[in-house]
Amino acid sequence: MSTATITSKGQITIPAAVRSGMGVDTGDRVEFIEVEPGRYEMVAATLPVTALKGLIAKPRKPVSVEAMNATIRERAAKVGRR
């Protein structure tokens, strides 16, 4: 188990083994997530761009810019009628 001491300014140094295990380095961000009252998890808040791959599925068929603009106009017209 790794430990750290909180300074008078509320700062800690994350042990090297923990930084390595989390894949974080100088300048990276981390988040503290409350998992239950008084208990937190620290997770890396920075992901490589490759982690975004597959987040949004490809459309089944290509959509033209004209078709997109037409849909935007139709939806805007419906909202304007409310």
C-alpha atoms as a PDB file:
ATOM      1  CA  MET A   1       0.000   0.000   0.000  1.00  0.00           C
ATOM      2  CA  SER A   2       1.341   3.442  -0.931  1.00  0.00           C
ATOM      3  CA  THR A   3       0.843   6.452   1.325  1.00  0.00           C
ATOM      4  CA  ALA A   4       1.340  10.210   1.015  1.00  0.00           C
ATOM      5  CA  THR A   5       1.390  13.130   3.448  1.00  0.00           C
ATOM      6  CA  ILE A   6      -0.751  16.233   2.972  1.00  0.00           C
ATOM      7  CA  THR A   7       1.202  19.507   3.140  1.00  0.00           C
ATOM      8  CA  SER A   8       0.009  22.671   4.879  1.00  0.00           C
ATOM      9  CA  LYS A   9      -1.191  23.855   1.438  1.00  0.00           C
ATOM     10  CA  GLY A  10      -3.336  20.721   0.967  1.00  0.00           C
ATOM     11  CA  GLN A  11      -0.984  19.180  -1.580  1.00  0.00           C
ATOM     12  CA  ILE A  12       0.292  15.618  -1.837  1.00  0.00           C
ATOM     13  CA  THR A  13       2.945  13.889  -3.887  1.00  0.00           C
ATOM     14  CA  ILE A  14       1.509  10.830  -5.578  1.00  0.00           C
ATOM     15  CA  PRO A  15       3.994   7.988  -5.177  1.00  0.00           C
ATOM     16  CA  ALA A  16       5.846   6.994  -8.367  1.00  0.00           C
ATOM     17  CA  ALA A  17       4.397   3.470  -8.363  1.00  0.00           C
ATOM     18  CA  VAL A  18       0.849   4.882  -8.214  1.00  0.00           C
ATOM     19  CA  ARG A  19       1.531   7.404 -11.007  1.00  0.00           C
ATOM     20  CA  SER A  20       2.983   4.634 -13.133  1.00  0.00           C
ATOM     21  CA  GLY A  21       0.060   2.308 -12.459  1.00  0.00           C
ATOM     22  CA  MET A  22      -2.437   5.044 -13.355  1.00  0.00           C
ATOM     23  CA  GLY A  23      -0.501   6.045 -16.462  1.00  0.00           C
ATOM     24  CA  VAL A  24      -0.263   9.700 -15.412  1.00  0.00           C
ATOM     25  CA  ASP A  25       2.697  12.033 -15.652  1.00  0.00           C
ATOM     26  CA  THR A  26       3.623  15.637 -14.983  1.00  0.00           C
ATOM     27  CA  GLY A  27       0.838  17.989 -16.087  1.00  0.00           C
ATOM     28  CA  ASP A  28      -1.840  15.294 -16.359  1.00  0.00           C
ATOM     29  CA  ARG A  29      -5.134  15.759 -14.543  1.00  0.00           C
ATOM     30  CA  VAL A  30      -6.791  13.427 -12.068  1.00  0.00           C
ATOM     31  CA  GLU A  31     -10.344  13.383 -10.730  1.00  0.00           C
ATOM     32  CA  PHE A  32     -11.534  12.506  -7.254  1.00  0.00           C
ATOM     33  CA  ILE A  33     -14.837  10.638  -7.327  1.00  0.00           C
ATOM     34  CA  GLU A  34     -16.818  10.062  -4.126  1.00  0.00           C
ATOM     35  CA  VAL A  35     -17.815   6.390  -4.141  1.00  0.00           C
ATOM     36  CA  GLU A  36     -19.449   6.559  -0.699  1.00  0.00           C
ATOM     37  CA  PRO A  37     -19.403   9.126   2.110  1.00  0.00           C
ATOM     38  CA  GLY A  38     -15.800   9.667   3.167  1.00  0.00           C
ATOM     39  CA  ARG A  39     -14.367   7.350   0.474  1.00  0.00           C
ATOM     40  CA  TYR A  40     -12.960   8.610  -2.821  1.00  0.00           C
ATOM     41  CA  GLU A  41     -11.358   7.111  -5.893  1.00  0.00           C
ATOM     42  CA  MET A  42      -8.706   8.958  -7.836  1.00  0.00           C
ATOM     43  CA  VAL A  43      -8.845   8.353 -11.602  1.00  0.00           C
ATOM     44  CA  ALA A  44      -6.845   9.742 -14.488  1.00  0.00           C
ATOM     45  CA  ALA A  45      -8.826  12.484 -16.221  1.00  0.00           C
ATOM     46  CA  THR A  46      -6.704  12.485 -19.343  1.00  0.00           C
ATOM     47  CA  LEU A  47      -7.125   9.891 -22.041  1.00  0.00           C
ATOM     48  CA  PRO A  48      -5.257   9.507 -25.296  1.00  0.00           C
ATOM     49  CA  VAL A  49      -7.249  10.475 -28.372  1.00  0.00           C
ATOM     50  CA  THR A  50      -7.222   6.816 -29.432  1.00  0.00           C
ATOM     51  CA  ALA A  51      -9.509   6.078 -26.458  1.00  0.00           C
ATOM     52  CA  LEU A  52     -12.279   7.968 -28.286  1.00  0.00           C
ATOM     53  CA  LYS A  53     -12.255   5.545 -31.221  1.00  0.00           C
ATOM     54  CA  GLY A  54     -15.612   3.827 -31.613  1.00  0.00           C
ATOM     55  CA  LEU A  55     -17.405   6.235 -29.264  1.00  0.00           C
ATOM     56  CA  ILE A  56     -19.753   7.325 -32.050  1.00  0.00           C
ATOM     57  CA  ALA A  57     -20.964   4.732 -34.507  1.00  0.00           C
ATOM     58  CA  LYS A  58     -20.643   5.362 -38.231  1.00  0.00           C
ATOM     59  CA  PRO A  59     -23.948   6.103 -39.964  1.00  0.00           C
ATOM     60  CA  ARG A  60     -25.428   3.192 -41.913  1.00  0.00           C
ATOM     61  CA  LYS A  61     -25.425   5.281 -45.063  1.00  0.00           C
ATOM     62  CA  PRO A  62     -23.580   8.492 -45.922  1.00  0.00           C
ATOM     63  CA  VAL A  63     -25.503  11.726 -45.390  1.00  0.00           C
ATOM     64  CA  SER A  64     -24.903  14.744 -47.616  1.00  0.00           C
ATOM     65  CA  VAL A  65     -24.435  18.242 -46.287  1.00  0.00           C
ATOM     66  CA  GLU A  66     -27.594  19.258 -48.145  1.00  0.00           C
ATOM     67  CA  ALA A  67     -29.605  16.562 -46.342  1.00  0.00           C
ATOM     68  CA  MET A  68     -28.166  17.695 -42.990  1.00  0.00           C
ATOM     69  CA  ASN A  69     -29.076  21.312 -43.692  1.00  0.00           C
ATOM     70  CA  ALA A  70     -32.601  20.334 -44.737  1.00  0.00           C
ATOM     71  CA  THR A  71     -33.114  18.387 -41.498  1.00  0.00           C
ATOM     72  CA  ILE A  72     -31.814  21.327 -39.461  1.00  0.00           C
ATOM     73  CA  ARG A  73     -34.257  23.675 -41.228  1.00  0.00           C
ATOM     74  CA  GLU A  74     -37.172  21.267 -40.653  1.00  0.00           C
ATOM     75  CA  ARG A  75     -36.393  20.833 -36.955  1.00  0.00           C
ATOM     76  CA  ALA A  76     -35.874  24.582 -36.478  1.00  0.00           C
ATOM     77  CA  ALA A  77     -39.229  25.264 -38.115  1.00  0.00           C
ATOM     78  CA  LYS A  78     -40.955  22.810 -35.738  1.00  0.00           C
ATOM     79  CA  VAL A  79     -39.346  24.446 -32.692  1.00  0.00           C
ATOM     80  CA  GLY A  80     -40.382  27.886 -33.998  1.00  0.00           C
ATOM     81  CA  ARG A  81     -44.058  26.783 -34.092  1.00  0.00           C
ATOM     82  CA  ARG A  82     -44.199  25.908 -30.398  1.00  0.00           C
END
